[in-house]
Every structure is written in structure tokens, then in C-alpha cells.
């Protein structure tokens, strides 16, 4: 494409303190969120005839850490295709050459709200268990490819009013070599698993702890372990769950074990005390979902010793979750990670810049008139709240129902009214 033709495809406008230079197909830009990784705007895509979210990566080449994170996020989003993972619709840069290259724009599906807003709503068991089921399906899809999300939190989970849920933000996601323990990495403190707090390294079920914390927050309406720093975070965990066994303490390195052993010992509380019946909705009649089942699932996810914590696959078989079990969702083909050295790569900023530019160019090569060549037609398809069917339900577990649970009932329009209030940015 010649330079003049390319220049005519773009236009610029100010969004807060930033300037968005985007393709003319994207109109009606409005800021909806911001965070460490960039600013997000909603927009109308005239090619796809739908609303989308456009994320401008914040200074992706300011240092090696930012550049590597931008590269990892882009590569993973290009590889993943699952109904419970946010869909990548487009990626572009307004710059014309590698030498000028400095901005990366990622276009994604636009959802109504993030889980921060949903937590404030009163959910019945159907909605609560269905949202958890979708989180587990999305995470299982990532784990199947050896991808650990590592940064699950309410602001990284987005929903539509028809109860469709998607996981987003892969900047901290990491591929795991078989049998290799991951080293500690800074993630959002409140949802940080004990093995991360204590520097033990971790495996895939680190994400299960995060889902457990999110479920607890949805039940209680407030953060379960609101630590002010990593030491306070650990104290919050043991004050409520109790000091772990000596068997667990022996897995810690000497200095950490000495610190932990010198802390006051806590007996902790039973899950009946932590999550009494009054916190839960009334037991479901047609789905047979009960507070006792939800509490049991929490007790299996919020286990300090990761070796004794439930796995994602086991959680999907739990009675509180498996009423929604659909093999096409749970056992979808895993994403194919094209870059086998995704995490082992270490480069200069200029080398990262070159790699990211190549990824953007590769996307443009595979794209024609806004439609991705060779991609399944379902990728990025608009979700219709009026036509989406309920996931298939085990007839031996519950009575079949014909429609998807919605987050906003006839008498509850809180999600619709919140749809324009920071759906991708709050709580970051």
C-alpha cells in the first residue's frame, strides 16, 4: 500500500491525555477505561457493523518489560479462540514503517460491564454458578495450551447482560513448560495465591485460587483478603483459613519458613462461619443448586496448599458447576501457540519492536475487508442476547430449561444502566 493511500485511511482525535489515530472504519469513539496497559475506547466498526472496544497500548516500547508484555498479549490473543475468552477482531498501527512504528491498537469485542459491577448485584444460584462455569471453561481452554493467566481479577472478566462471560487481558499470561514451576510474578494482590505470596513458584491451579477469591467476593459483596501489602495479604489469608500444616511449611525456603513460623498461629474459621447461609441466595428449585454446594466448592478452591487444591477439571465436575457442562465448551480444541519460545525470549527494546511490528504486519496480511482469512466464522461474532441458547444441561442433574440466564431481570436494569460506565477499566 502506498504512503498516501495509507494516510487517508486514518484520522486522529484526542481521548483524555492521549491521541487516538485509528482507521476510519471506527467511528464514535468514547473512552470507557484506562489502566497501566493503556486506554480503552468504545467505537462503532462500520465494516463489521457492530460496536467494538479499541485498546491503545500505553507506551509499549518504553522498556523491555512493557515491550515483552505487549508482544506476549498480542501473540496469545491471536492464537486463542474460545467463547469465554475475549475475541481479537483487529490489530493495527497508523505508522507506515518499522522506523516510525510506536503505537499498537488492539480491537476486541465490546461487552456491557466487568465483574466489578456485577459483584454489586444480587445474583441467584443460576447466574452465580453459570458465571463461574464460564470462567472455568475459559481458564481450562488456556491451561490446555499450557497458558496460565496469572492475573485473574474482577476487572479482567467482562460480561454481557445475557450472562455471557469472557476473560481478557493476557499481558501477564504465561506459557508453562511441562513440569516446570513458575517463578513468582507481581499480580493483583487481593487474588494472589499463597504460593505466589510466599515465593514458592506455582502451577496451573494458581488460577483456581483466584477464581475462588472472585467467587467469595460475589457471595460476600466485598474482597475476601484485602491485604495492604504482601505480608498483610498472607496474614489476612491465615487469619481466616488458619495457619497451614507443618507439611506445607516444610515446602518453603528457610527464610520464608522462619518468618511464617514466627507469626502467631491461627485456628481459622470453618467455611460455615466464613460463608453462612444468609450470604447466599435462596436454594434453587429447578436447578437444585444450594448454598451448601456453593460453600463446598469454595472450600475446595480456597486451599492454601496448592497440591491439595481442586483443579479446573475437577471444579467443572463439581455439583454446583456441572449442571451447565457442555463438552463443546469444556473440551474445545486448545489454542495452538505458534511461538514456542514465548516466555524464554529475551530481547532489546528494538528487537521486541521488530517482533511486534512483524505480528501486526502478519495480521494485516491475513485480513481483508475486516474479515479474518481462515478464521472460524464464530470468532468475533456478535452475541445476541435474544437468541443465545442455554448450555446443554445434564438431565440427571437438573431439569432442562430453554433460555440463558440473564444478569438483568425485568425488575433489575442495573447492568444495562452501567453499560457505559468503565466496562473495561474499573478496579485496575
Protein backbone atom coordinates (compact mmCIF):
# COMPACT_ATOMS: atom_id res chain seq x y z
CA UNK A 1 0.00 0.00 0.00
CA UNK A 2 1.44 3.38 -0.95
CA UNK A 3 2.03 6.03 1.71
CA UNK A 4 -0.68 8.48 0.61
CA UNK A 5 -3.38 5.83 0.44
CA UNK A 6 -2.48 4.62 3.93
CA UNK A 7 -2.59 8.15 5.35
CA UNK A 8 -6.13 8.62 4.03
CA UNK A 9 -7.33 5.52 5.91
CA UNK A 10 -6.69 7.05 9.34
CA UNK A 11 -7.91 10.01 11.38
CA UNK A 12 -6.90 11.37 14.80
CA UNK A 13 -8.81 12.58 17.84
CA UNK A 14 -7.90 13.40 21.43
CA UNK A 15 -9.02 10.97 24.14
CA UNK A 16 -8.18 12.37 27.55
CA UNK A 17 -4.46 12.98 27.61
CA UNK A 18 -3.86 10.68 24.65
CA UNK A 19 -4.35 10.93 20.89
CA UNK A 20 -6.04 8.03 19.11
CA UNK A 21 -5.11 7.64 15.44
CA UNK A 22 -7.42 4.96 14.13
CA UNK A 23 -8.80 3.56 10.90
CA UNK A 24 -11.77 5.50 9.54
CA UNK A 25 -13.92 2.38 9.80
CA UNK A 26 -14.01 3.07 13.56
CA UNK A 27 -16.30 5.95 14.49
CA UNK A 28 -17.98 7.39 17.60
CA UNK A 29 -15.03 6.74 19.89
CA UNK A 30 -15.73 7.18 23.60
CA UNK A 31 -13.31 6.47 26.48
CA UNK A 32 -14.54 3.64 28.70
CA UNK A 33 -11.49 2.70 30.74
CA UNK A 34 -7.81 3.12 31.39
CA UNK A 35 -5.08 1.27 33.23
CA UNK A 36 -1.40 0.50 33.28
CA UNK A 37 -1.58 -1.17 29.89
CA UNK A 38 -3.42 1.55 28.01
CA UNK A 39 -6.61 3.43 27.30
CA UNK A 40 -9.76 1.70 26.02
CA UNK A 41 -12.45 3.31 23.88
CA UNK A 42 -15.73 2.00 22.60
CA UNK A 43 -16.36 2.57 18.89
CA UNK A 44 -18.64 1.57 16.06
CA UNK A 45 -16.99 -0.59 13.39
CA UNK A 46 -18.62 0.20 10.04
CA UNK A 47 -17.03 -2.85 8.40
CA UNK A 48 -18.36 -5.36 10.91
CA UNK A 49 -21.46 -3.24 11.68
CA UNK A 50 -21.07 -3.66 15.42
CA UNK A 51 -19.72 -1.91 18.49
CA UNK A 52 -16.16 -2.78 19.49
CA UNK A 53 -13.54 -1.89 22.10
CA UNK A 54 -10.25 -0.35 20.94
CA UNK A 55 -7.28 -0.52 23.28
CA UNK A 56 -4.25 1.68 22.64
CA UNK A 57 -1.26 0.07 24.31
CA UNK A 58 0.42 2.53 26.64
CA UNK A 59 3.97 3.30 25.51
CA UNK A 60 4.70 -0.33 24.53
CA UNK A 61 8.35 0.36 23.75
CA UNK A 62 9.35 2.39 26.79
CA UNK A 63 11.29 -0.56 28.25
CA UNK A 64 11.87 -4.30 27.83
CA UNK A 65 9.15 -5.27 30.31
CA UNK A 66 6.43 -3.28 28.53
CA UNK A 67 7.57 -4.46 25.12
CA UNK A 68 7.66 -8.12 26.13
CA UNK A 69 4.22 -7.85 27.72
CA UNK A 70 2.79 -6.22 24.59
CA UNK A 71 4.28 -8.96 22.41
CA UNK A 72 3.00 -11.75 24.66
CA UNK A 73 -0.51 -10.29 24.84
CA UNK A 74 -0.71 -9.88 21.07
CA UNK A 75 0.59 -13.38 20.28
CA UNK A 76 -1.75 -15.06 22.76
CA UNK A 77 -4.80 -13.12 21.61
CA UNK A 78 -4.07 -14.12 18.01
CA UNK A 79 -3.90 -17.81 19.00
CA UNK A 80 -6.89 -18.14 21.31
CA UNK A 81 -10.41 -18.78 20.02
CA UNK A 82 -12.97 -19.68 22.69
CA UNK A 83 -16.38 -18.26 23.53
CA UNK A 84 -15.24 -17.43 27.09
CA UNK A 85 -12.06 -15.62 26.02
CA UNK A 86 -12.28 -12.10 24.63
CA UNK A 87 -12.08 -12.16 20.84
CA UNK A 88 -9.43 -10.27 18.90
CA UNK A 89 -11.10 -8.53 15.97
CA UNK A 90 -8.24 -6.44 14.61
CA UNK A 91 -4.79 -5.08 15.35
CA UNK A 92 -3.22 -2.16 13.53
CA UNK A 93 -0.73 0.69 13.66
CA UNK A 94 -1.07 4.07 11.93
CA UNK A 95 2.68 4.23 11.37
CA UNK A 96 3.89 3.37 7.91
CA UNK A 97 7.34 1.86 8.53
CA UNK A 98 9.24 -0.02 11.22
CA UNK A 99 11.37 3.08 11.81
CA UNK A 100 8.25 5.16 12.61
CA UNK A 101 6.45 2.38 14.49
CA UNK A 102 5.39 3.41 18.01
CA UNK A 103 1.65 2.76 18.53
CA UNK A 104 -0.29 -0.50 18.70
CA UNK A 105 -4.09 -0.65 18.69
CA UNK A 106 -5.96 -3.83 19.61
CA UNK A 107 -9.64 -4.14 18.66
CA UNK A 108 -11.75 -6.50 20.75
CA UNK A 109 -15.32 -7.47 21.37
CA UNK A 110 -17.21 -4.89 23.40
CA UNK A 111 -19.00 -6.19 26.48
CA UNK A 112 -21.53 -4.48 28.76
CA UNK A 113 -19.67 -4.41 32.08
CA UNK A 114 -16.93 -6.05 34.07
CA UNK A 115 -17.35 -8.23 37.10
CA UNK A 116 -16.66 -5.32 39.48
CA UNK A 117 -20.13 -4.07 38.63
CA UNK A 118 -21.77 -7.50 38.72
CA UNK A 119 -20.42 -8.12 42.23
CA UNK A 120 -22.67 -5.32 43.46
CA UNK A 121 -25.77 -7.10 42.15
CA UNK A 122 -27.77 -9.75 43.96
CA UNK A 123 -27.27 -12.92 41.93
CA UNK A 124 -29.30 -16.10 42.24
CA UNK A 125 -27.62 -19.51 42.16
CA UNK A 126 -28.24 -19.94 38.41
CA UNK A 127 -26.40 -16.75 37.50
CA UNK A 128 -23.61 -17.27 40.03
CA UNK A 129 -22.90 -20.86 39.03
CA UNK A 130 -23.19 -20.10 35.31
CA UNK A 131 -20.70 -17.23 35.55
CA UNK A 132 -18.28 -19.48 37.45
CA UNK A 133 -18.76 -22.25 34.88
CA UNK A 134 -17.77 -19.88 32.09
CA UNK A 135 -14.69 -18.66 33.99
CA UNK A 136 -13.60 -22.27 34.45
CA UNK A 137 -14.25 -23.10 30.76
CA UNK A 138 -12.14 -20.15 29.62
CA UNK A 139 -9.30 -20.97 32.01
CA UNK A 140 -9.40 -24.66 31.08
CA UNK A 141 -9.00 -23.65 27.44
CA UNK A 142 -5.90 -21.63 28.30
CA UNK A 143 -4.48 -24.36 30.54
CA UNK A 144 -4.93 -26.90 27.73
CA UNK A 145 -2.30 -24.94 25.80
CA UNK A 146 -0.07 -24.55 28.86
CA UNK A 147 -1.13 -20.93 29.38
CA UNK A 148 -1.53 -19.75 32.97
CA UNK A 149 -3.44 -16.47 33.16
CA UNK A 150 -1.85 -15.32 36.46
CA UNK A 151 -3.84 -12.09 36.71
CA UNK A 152 -7.48 -13.11 37.12
CA UNK A 153 -9.49 -10.42 38.90
CA UNK A 154 -12.96 -8.90 38.54
CA UNK A 155 -11.73 -6.12 36.24
CA UNK A 156 -10.24 -8.72 33.85
CA UNK A 157 -13.55 -10.53 33.46
CA UNK A 158 -16.25 -8.92 31.34
CA UNK A 159 -19.89 -9.80 30.85
CA UNK A 160 -22.95 -9.03 28.79
CA UNK A 161 -26.46 -8.66 30.14
CA UNK A 162 -27.34 -12.10 28.72
CA UNK A 163 -24.86 -13.58 31.23
CA UNK A 164 -22.17 -14.25 28.61
CA UNK A 165 -18.75 -14.02 30.27
CA UNK A 166 -15.30 -13.54 28.75
CA UNK A 167 -11.80 -13.36 30.20
CA UNK A 168 -9.47 -10.65 28.95
CA UNK A 169 -6.02 -9.12 29.39
CA UNK A 170 -3.26 -11.58 28.60
CA UNK A 171 -0.39 -9.24 29.40
CA UNK A 172 0.61 -11.37 32.39
CA UNK A 173 -0.40 -14.73 30.96
CA UNK A 174 2.46 -17.15 30.68
CA UNK A 175 3.05 -20.42 28.90
CA UNK A 176 4.21 -23.22 31.17
CA UNK A 177 6.83 -25.77 30.13
CA UNK A 178 5.80 -29.28 31.17
CA UNK A 179 6.71 -29.96 34.79
CA UNK A 180 8.24 -26.54 35.26
CA UNK A 181 7.19 -24.46 38.27
CA UNK A 182 6.57 -20.83 37.50
CA UNK A 183 8.56 -18.19 39.32
CA UNK A 184 6.75 -15.51 41.34
CA UNK A 185 5.37 -12.55 39.42
CA UNK A 186 3.59 -9.44 40.58
CA UNK A 187 -0.15 -9.79 40.13
CA UNK A 188 -3.11 -8.07 41.74
CA UNK A 189 -2.62 -8.62 45.46
CA UNK A 190 -6.14 -9.49 46.59
CA UNK A 191 -6.42 -12.52 44.32
CA UNK A 192 -2.83 -13.69 44.75
CA UNK A 193 -2.44 -17.36 45.69
CA UNK A 194 -0.41 -18.31 48.78
CA UNK A 195 2.27 -19.99 46.69
CA UNK A 196 2.83 -16.69 44.88
CA UNK A 197 2.83 -14.62 48.09
CA UNK A 198 5.41 -16.97 49.62
CA UNK A 199 7.63 -17.19 46.53
CA UNK A 200 7.16 -20.94 46.09
CA UNK A 201 6.66 -20.98 42.34
CA UNK A 202 3.34 -22.22 41.02
CA UNK A 203 1.46 -24.31 38.53
CA UNK A 204 -1.86 -24.05 36.70
CA UNK A 205 -4.18 -24.21 39.71
CA UNK A 206 -2.87 -20.82 40.82
CA UNK A 207 -5.79 -19.59 38.69
CA UNK A 208 -8.23 -21.71 40.73
CA UNK A 209 -7.35 -19.77 43.89
CA UNK A 210 -8.10 -16.54 42.04
CA UNK A 211 -11.48 -17.87 40.89
CA UNK A 212 -12.20 -18.90 44.48
CA UNK A 213 -11.43 -15.36 45.67
CA UNK A 214 -13.68 -13.93 42.96
CA UNK A 215 -16.50 -16.34 43.86
CA UNK A 216 -16.15 -15.37 47.54
CA UNK A 217 -16.36 -11.70 46.58
CA UNK A 218 -19.50 -12.34 44.53
CA UNK A 219 -21.09 -14.07 47.53
CA UNK A 220 -19.98 -11.56 50.18
CA UNK A 221 -20.07 -8.39 48.10
CA UNK A 222 -16.60 -7.45 49.34
CA UNK A 223 -12.97 -8.55 48.87
CA UNK A 224 -12.16 -11.68 50.89
CA UNK A 225 -8.45 -10.99 51.54
CA UNK A 226 -7.87 -7.21 51.21
CA UNK A 227 -4.16 -7.10 52.06
CA UNK A 228 -2.33 -3.78 52.08
CA UNK A 229 0.98 -5.44 51.15
CA UNK A 230 2.26 -8.99 50.62
CA UNK A 231 2.84 -9.59 54.34
CA UNK A 232 -0.59 -8.28 55.28
CA UNK A 233 -2.03 -10.37 52.44
CA UNK A 234 -0.59 -13.54 53.96
CA UNK A 235 -1.84 -12.55 57.40
CA UNK A 236 -5.36 -11.98 56.02
CA UNK A 237 -5.29 -15.48 54.50
CA UNK A 238 -4.17 -17.34 57.62
CA UNK A 239 -6.38 -15.32 59.96
CA UNK A 240 -9.41 -16.61 58.07
CA UNK A 241 -8.29 -20.02 56.80
CA UNK A 242 -5.88 -20.91 59.61
CA UNK A 243 -2.12 -21.46 59.77
CA UNK A 244 -1.21 -24.25 57.33
CA UNK A 245 0.20 -27.60 58.36
CA UNK A 246 3.85 -28.33 59.05
CA UNK A 247 3.85 -30.43 55.89
CA UNK A 248 3.13 -27.28 53.89
CA UNK A 249 5.62 -25.16 55.83
CA UNK A 250 8.40 -27.62 55.01
CA UNK A 251 7.93 -26.75 51.32
CA UNK A 252 9.01 -23.14 51.94
CA UNK A 253 12.56 -21.94 51.66
CA UNK A 254 14.28 -21.45 55.01
CA UNK A 255 13.96 -17.67 55.37
CA UNK A 256 10.28 -17.64 54.41
CA UNK A 257 9.55 -20.62 56.65
CA UNK A 258 11.23 -18.89 59.59
CA UNK A 259 9.06 -15.82 59.07
CA UNK A 260 5.85 -17.83 58.70
CA UNK A 261 6.61 -19.99 61.74
CA UNK A 262 7.22 -16.90 63.85
CA UNK A 263 3.81 -15.47 63.07
CA UNK A 264 1.01 -16.06 65.58
CA UNK A 265 -0.80 -19.33 64.91
CA UNK A 266 -4.40 -19.07 63.81
CA UNK A 267 -7.03 -21.78 64.02
CA UNK A 268 -9.03 -20.14 61.25
CA UNK A 269 -12.76 -20.38 60.75
CA UNK A 270 -14.93 -23.07 59.25
CA UNK A 271 -16.43 -22.29 55.86
CA UNK A 272 -19.85 -22.33 57.54
CA UNK A 273 -18.65 -19.38 59.64
CA UNK A 274 -16.91 -17.62 56.75
CA UNK A 275 -19.85 -18.12 54.38
CA UNK A 276 -23.08 -18.55 56.38
CA UNK A 277 -26.33 -19.35 54.60
CA UNK A 278 -27.52 -15.76 54.95
CA UNK A 279 -24.89 -14.63 52.38
CA UNK A 280 -26.26 -16.92 49.68
CA UNK A 281 -29.41 -16.62 47.56
CA UNK A 282 -32.32 -18.92 48.25
CA UNK A 283 -31.76 -22.50 47.15
CA UNK A 284 -32.78 -23.08 43.54
CA UNK A 285 -35.83 -25.24 42.97
CA UNK A 286 -35.48 -26.22 39.30
CA UNK A 287 -31.68 -26.49 39.20
CA UNK A 288 -31.29 -27.97 42.70
CA UNK A 289 -28.41 -25.60 43.40
CA UNK A 290 -27.84 -24.99 47.09
CA UNK A 291 -25.78 -22.78 49.37
CA UNK A 292 -24.17 -25.94 50.78
CA UNK A 293 -22.87 -26.85 47.30
CA UNK A 294 -21.50 -23.36 46.69
CA UNK A 295 -19.80 -23.39 50.09
CA UNK A 296 -18.30 -26.81 49.39
CA UNK A 297 -16.84 -25.55 46.10
CA UNK A 298 -15.32 -22.55 47.90
CA UNK A 299 -13.77 -24.86 50.49
CA UNK A 300 -12.07 -26.86 47.73
CA UNK A 301 -10.76 -23.84 45.79
CA UNK A 302 -9.55 -21.77 48.74
CA UNK A 303 -6.97 -24.30 49.93
CA UNK A 304 -3.61 -22.85 50.95
CA UNK A 305 -1.64 -25.94 49.90
CA UNK A 306 -1.87 -25.96 46.09
CA UNK A 307 -1.17 -29.71 46.00
CA UNK A 308 -4.49 -30.24 47.79
CA UNK A 309 -6.46 -27.59 45.92
CA UNK A 310 -9.08 -28.61 43.38
CA UNK A 311 -8.08 -28.47 39.71
CA UNK A 312 -10.04 -26.70 36.98
CA UNK A 313 -11.23 -30.03 35.56
CA UNK A 314 -12.38 -31.18 38.99
CA UNK A 315 -14.16 -27.89 39.60
CA UNK A 316 -16.04 -28.31 36.32
CA UNK A 317 -17.35 -31.66 37.60
CA UNK A 318 -18.48 -30.20 40.94
CA UNK A 319 -22.26 -30.42 41.52
CA UNK A 320 -22.51 -26.64 41.78
CA UNK A 321 -20.95 -26.26 38.30
CA UNK A 322 -21.63 -29.38 36.23
CA UNK A 323 -25.31 -28.55 35.69
CA UNK A 324 -24.05 -26.45 32.76
CA UNK A 325 -21.49 -28.95 31.46
CA UNK A 326 -21.24 -28.90 27.67
CA UNK A 327 -18.37 -30.88 26.07
CA UNK A 328 -18.14 -28.44 23.15
CA UNK A 329 -17.31 -25.66 25.63
CA UNK A 330 -15.29 -27.61 28.19
CA UNK A 331 -13.29 -29.70 25.72
CA UNK A 332 -12.81 -27.21 22.88
CA UNK A 333 -9.58 -27.77 20.89
CA UNK A 334 -6.72 -25.99 22.67
CA UNK A 335 -5.16 -22.90 21.12
CA UNK A 336 -2.01 -23.53 19.10
CA UNK A 337 0.80 -21.35 20.39
CA UNK A 338 2.89 -20.58 17.35
CA UNK A 339 5.81 -19.12 19.27
CA UNK A 340 7.27 -21.97 21.34
CA UNK A 341 9.76 -19.58 22.95
CA UNK A 342 7.10 -17.09 24.04
CA UNK A 343 8.43 -16.70 27.59
CA UNK A 344 12.05 -17.68 27.14
CA UNK A 345 12.67 -14.87 24.68
CA UNK A 346 14.84 -12.03 25.96
CA UNK A 347 15.45 -9.12 23.61
CA UNK A 348 16.36 -5.48 23.48
CA UNK A 349 13.52 -2.99 23.12
CA UNK A 350 14.37 -2.58 19.43
CA UNK A 351 14.22 -6.34 18.88
CA UNK A 352 10.85 -6.53 20.64
CA UNK A 353 9.65 -3.65 18.50
CA UNK A 354 10.65 -5.55 15.38
CA UNK A 355 8.84 -8.70 16.55
CA UNK A 356 5.64 -6.80 17.39
CA UNK A 357 5.74 -4.98 14.06
CA UNK A 358 6.01 -8.35 12.30
CA UNK A 359 2.96 -9.61 14.22
CA UNK A 360 0.95 -6.55 13.20
CA UNK A 361 2.05 -6.94 9.58
CA UNK A 362 1.17 -10.65 9.70
CA UNK A 363 -2.34 -9.78 10.90
CA UNK A 364 -2.78 -7.23 8.12
CA UNK A 365 -1.66 -9.81 5.57
CA UNK A 366 -4.32 -12.24 6.84
CA UNK A 367 -7.03 -9.62 6.85
CA UNK A 368 -9.25 -8.50 4.02
CA UNK A 369 -12.10 -6.02 4.41
CA UNK A 370 -12.19 -6.57 8.16
CA UNK A 371 -12.76 -10.34 7.87
CA UNK A 372 -10.02 -12.65 9.08
CA UNK A 373 -8.97 -15.15 6.45
CA UNK A 374 -9.08 -18.73 7.53
CA UNK A 375 -10.68 -18.00 10.91
CA UNK A 376 -13.87 -19.75 12.00
CA UNK A 377 -16.94 -17.65 11.30
CA UNK A 378 -17.80 -17.66 15.00
CA UNK A 379 -14.71 -15.71 16.02
CA UNK A 380 -15.78 -12.23 16.98
CA UNK A 381 -19.40 -12.85 16.04
CA UNK A 382 -21.78 -10.55 17.87
CA UNK A 383 -23.53 -12.18 20.81
CA UNK A 384 -27.30 -11.98 20.55
CA UNK A 385 -28.97 -11.92 23.93
CA UNK A 386 -32.29 -12.80 22.34
CA UNK A 387 -31.16 -15.93 20.52
CA UNK A 388 -28.33 -17.46 22.53
CA UNK A 389 -29.33 -20.83 23.92
CA UNK A 390 -28.72 -22.12 27.38
CA UNK A 391 -25.73 -24.50 27.61
CA UNK A 392 -26.79 -28.12 27.50
CA UNK A 393 -27.65 -29.43 30.94
CA UNK A 394 -27.28 -32.92 32.35
CA UNK A 395 -30.80 -34.28 32.64
CA UNK A 396 -29.70 -36.46 35.52
CA UNK A 397 -28.70 -33.39 37.50
CA UNK A 398 -31.34 -30.77 36.80
CA UNK A 399 -34.45 -30.05 34.83
CA UNK A 400 -33.81 -28.73 31.33
CA UNK A 401 -34.56 -25.09 30.73
CA UNK A 402 -34.71 -23.35 27.40
CA UNK A 403 -33.26 -19.91 27.90
CA UNK A 404 -29.99 -18.48 29.06
CA UNK A 405 -30.00 -16.82 32.50
CA UNK A 406 -29.67 -13.07 32.18
CA UNK A 407 -27.86 -10.83 34.61
CA UNK A 408 -30.57 -8.19 34.49
CA UNK A 409 -34.10 -9.39 35.13
CA UNK A 410 -37.27 -7.49 34.25
CA UNK A 411 -37.02 -5.63 37.55
CA UNK A 412 -33.26 -5.17 37.57
CA UNK A 413 -31.79 -2.88 34.93
CA UNK A 414 -28.58 -2.15 36.85
CA UNK A 415 -26.34 -3.81 34.30
CA UNK A 416 -27.88 -2.02 31.34
CA UNK A 417 -27.53 1.33 33.07
CA UNK A 418 -23.95 0.52 33.93
CA UNK A 419 -23.03 -0.48 30.41
CA UNK A 420 -21.37 2.82 29.58
CA UNK A 421 -19.50 3.18 32.88
CA UNK A 422 -15.97 1.93 32.50
CA UNK A 423 -16.73 -1.66 31.43
CA UNK A 424 -13.09 -2.47 30.83
CA UNK A 425 -11.25 -0.28 33.26
CA UNK A 426 -12.54 -0.16 36.84
CA UNK A 427 -10.54 -1.69 39.68
CA UNK A 428 -7.35 -1.87 37.67
